[in-house]
Amino acid sequence: MLNQKVDSICDINLKKNLSKKEEDFFLESKSYALNVIGLINEDLGNLHKANEYFSKSLKIFKKIGSKHGIATALNNIGNTYQT
């Protein structure tokens, strides 16, 4: 799956000596990839697994201070409780 590949590529790059801007870029990309993997699991009915991915995404968004990302992850977590 493409988003799992993005997650892996980000992990590889995050092990390198990066500038703060580069690190934030890869962290944000990883977080969005995790969020999409969560959405796929939600669509498949794997709500517990979806919440695991949304929570990982939320943690990263908090780390980089992305208010939009935090809101997106929290919204997705909330949606799993509505289904």
C-alpha atoms as a PDB file:
ATOM      1  CA  MET A   1       0.000   0.000   0.000  1.00  0.00           C
ATOM      2  CA  LEU A   2       1.313   3.438  -0.949  1.00  0.00           C
ATOM      3  CA  ASN A   3       0.829   5.068   2.459  1.00  0.00           C
ATOM      4  CA  GLN A   4       2.772   2.309   4.182  1.00  0.00           C
ATOM      5  CA  LYS A   5       5.577   2.956   1.691  1.00  0.00           C
ATOM      6  CA  VAL A   6       5.471   6.693   2.501  1.00  0.00           C
ATOM      7  CA  ASP A   7       5.633   5.849   6.205  1.00  0.00           C
ATOM      8  CA  SER A   8       8.703   3.658   5.612  1.00  0.00           C
ATOM      9  CA  ILE A   9      10.445   6.272   3.467  1.00  0.00           C
ATOM     10  CA  CYS A  10       9.848   8.902   6.144  1.00  0.00           C
ATOM     11  CA  ASP A  11      11.287   6.596   8.819  1.00  0.00           C
ATOM     12  CA  ILE A  12      14.423   6.058   6.719  1.00  0.00           C
ATOM     13  CA  ASN A  13      14.897   9.788   6.182  1.00  0.00           C
ATOM     14  CA  LEU A  14      14.195  10.672   9.825  1.00  0.00           C
ATOM     15  CA  LYS A  15      17.258   8.630  10.812  1.00  0.00           C
ATOM     16  CA  LYS A  16      19.455  11.052   8.850  1.00  0.00           C
ATOM     17  CA  ASN A  17      20.980  14.269  10.117  1.00  0.00           C
ATOM     18  CA  LEU A  18      18.253  16.705   8.997  1.00  0.00           C
ATOM     19  CA  SER A  19      17.538  20.370   9.462  1.00  0.00           C
ATOM     20  CA  LYS A  20      14.511  21.220  11.612  1.00  0.00           C
ATOM     21  CA  LYS A  21      12.558  22.110   8.452  1.00  0.00           C
ATOM     22  CA  GLU A  22      13.406  18.784   6.788  1.00  0.00           C
ATOM     23  CA  GLU A  23      12.596  16.819   9.938  1.00  0.00           C
ATOM     24  CA  ASP A  24       9.221  18.557  10.272  1.00  0.00           C
ATOM     25  CA  PHE A  25       8.490  17.817   6.605  1.00  0.00           C
ATOM     26  CA  PHE A  26       9.099  14.095   7.037  1.00  0.00           C
ATOM     27  CA  LEU A  27       7.241  13.990  10.352  1.00  0.00           C
ATOM     28  CA  GLU A  28       4.236  15.729   8.800  1.00  0.00           C
ATOM     29  CA  SER A  29       4.322  13.419   5.773  1.00  0.00           C
ATOM     30  CA  LYS A  30       4.541  10.380   8.064  1.00  0.00           C
ATOM     31  CA  SER A  31       1.657  11.643  10.145  1.00  0.00           C
ATOM     32  CA  TYR A  32      -0.602  12.168   7.132  1.00  0.00           C
ATOM     33  CA  ALA A  33       0.313   8.698   5.855  1.00  0.00           C
ATOM     34  CA  LEU A  34      -0.594   7.168   9.236  1.00  0.00           C
ATOM     35  CA  ASN A  35      -3.855   9.090   9.173  1.00  0.00           C
ATOM     36  CA  VAL A  36      -4.759   7.679   5.748  1.00  0.00           C
ATOM     37  CA  ILE A  37      -3.886   4.149   6.890  1.00  0.00           C
ATOM     38  CA  GLY A  38      -6.254   4.773   9.794  1.00  0.00           C
ATOM     39  CA  LEU A  39      -9.008   5.861   7.393  1.00  0.00           C
ATOM     40  CA  ILE A  40      -8.541   2.695   5.353  1.00  0.00           C
ATOM     41  CA  ASN A  41      -8.814   0.573   8.493  1.00  0.00           C
ATOM     42  CA  GLU A  42     -11.922   2.502   9.519  1.00  0.00           C
ATOM     43  CA  ASP A  43     -13.521   1.803   6.129  1.00  0.00           C
ATOM     44  CA  LEU A  44     -12.688  -1.891   6.571  1.00  0.00           C
ATOM     45  CA  GLY A  45     -14.389  -1.881   9.978  1.00  0.00           C
ATOM     46  CA  ASN A  46     -11.142  -2.258  11.945  1.00  0.00           C
ATOM     47  CA  LEU A  47     -11.978   0.576  14.344  1.00  0.00           C
ATOM     48  CA  HIS A  48      -9.454  -0.357  17.041  1.00  0.00           C
ATOM     49  CA  LYS A  49      -6.653  -0.513  14.474  1.00  0.00           C
ATOM     50  CA  ALA A  50      -7.857   2.763  12.924  1.00  0.00           C
ATOM     51  CA  ASN A  51      -7.662   4.477  16.314  1.00  0.00           C
ATOM     52  CA  GLU A  52      -4.119   3.186  16.793  1.00  0.00           C
ATOM     53  CA  TYR A  53      -3.052   4.874  13.559  1.00  0.00           C
ATOM     54  CA  PHE A  54      -5.003   8.067  14.306  1.00  0.00           C
ATOM     55  CA  SER A  55      -3.389   8.232  17.753  1.00  0.00           C
ATOM     56  CA  LYS A  56       0.107   7.821  16.289  1.00  0.00           C
ATOM     57  CA  SER A  57      -0.707  10.550  13.802  1.00  0.00           C
ATOM     58  CA  LEU A  58      -2.030  12.822  16.565  1.00  0.00           C
ATOM     59  CA  LYS A  59       1.132  12.389  18.618  1.00  0.00           C
ATOM     60  CA  ILE A  60       3.307  13.495  15.699  1.00  0.00           C
ATOM     61  CA  PHE A  61       1.050  16.432  14.818  1.00  0.00           C
ATOM     62  CA  LYS A  62       1.286  17.600  18.429  1.00  0.00           C
ATOM     63  CA  LYS A  63       5.076  17.272  18.320  1.00  0.00           C
ATOM     64  CA  ILE A  64       5.378  19.499  15.256  1.00  0.00           C
ATOM     65  CA  GLY A  65       2.617  21.881  16.381  1.00  0.00           C
ATOM     66  CA  SER A  66       0.291  21.363  13.420  1.00  0.00           C
ATOM     67  CA  LYS A  67      -3.096  22.665  14.563  1.00  0.00           C
ATOM     68  CA  HIS A  68      -4.752  21.497  11.354  1.00  0.00           C
ATOM     69  CA  GLY A  69      -3.231  18.031  11.722  1.00  0.00           C
ATOM     70  CA  ILE A  70      -4.267  17.817  15.380  1.00  0.00           C
ATOM     71  CA  ALA A  71      -7.831  18.757  14.458  1.00  0.00           C
ATOM     72  CA  THR A  72      -7.892  16.224  11.620  1.00  0.00           C
ATOM     73  CA  ALA A  73      -6.612  13.376  13.795  1.00  0.00           C
ATOM     74  CA  LEU A  74      -9.003  14.202  16.654  1.00  0.00           C
ATOM     75  CA  ASN A  75     -11.911  14.409  14.214  1.00  0.00           C
ATOM     76  CA  ASN A  76     -11.026  10.997  12.783  1.00  0.00           C
ATOM     77  CA  ILE A  77     -10.756   9.491  16.275  1.00  0.00           C
ATOM     78  CA  GLY A  78     -14.184  10.916  17.102  1.00  0.00           C
ATOM     79  CA  ASN A  79     -15.686   9.521  13.913  1.00  0.00           C
ATOM     80  CA  THR A  80     -14.725   5.985  14.884  1.00  0.00           C
ATOM     81  CA  TYR A  81     -16.862   6.319  18.001  1.00  0.00           C
ATOM     82  CA  GLN A  82     -19.888   7.389  15.932  1.00  0.00           C
ATOM     83  CA  THR A  83     -19.879   4.214  13.838  1.00  0.00           C
END
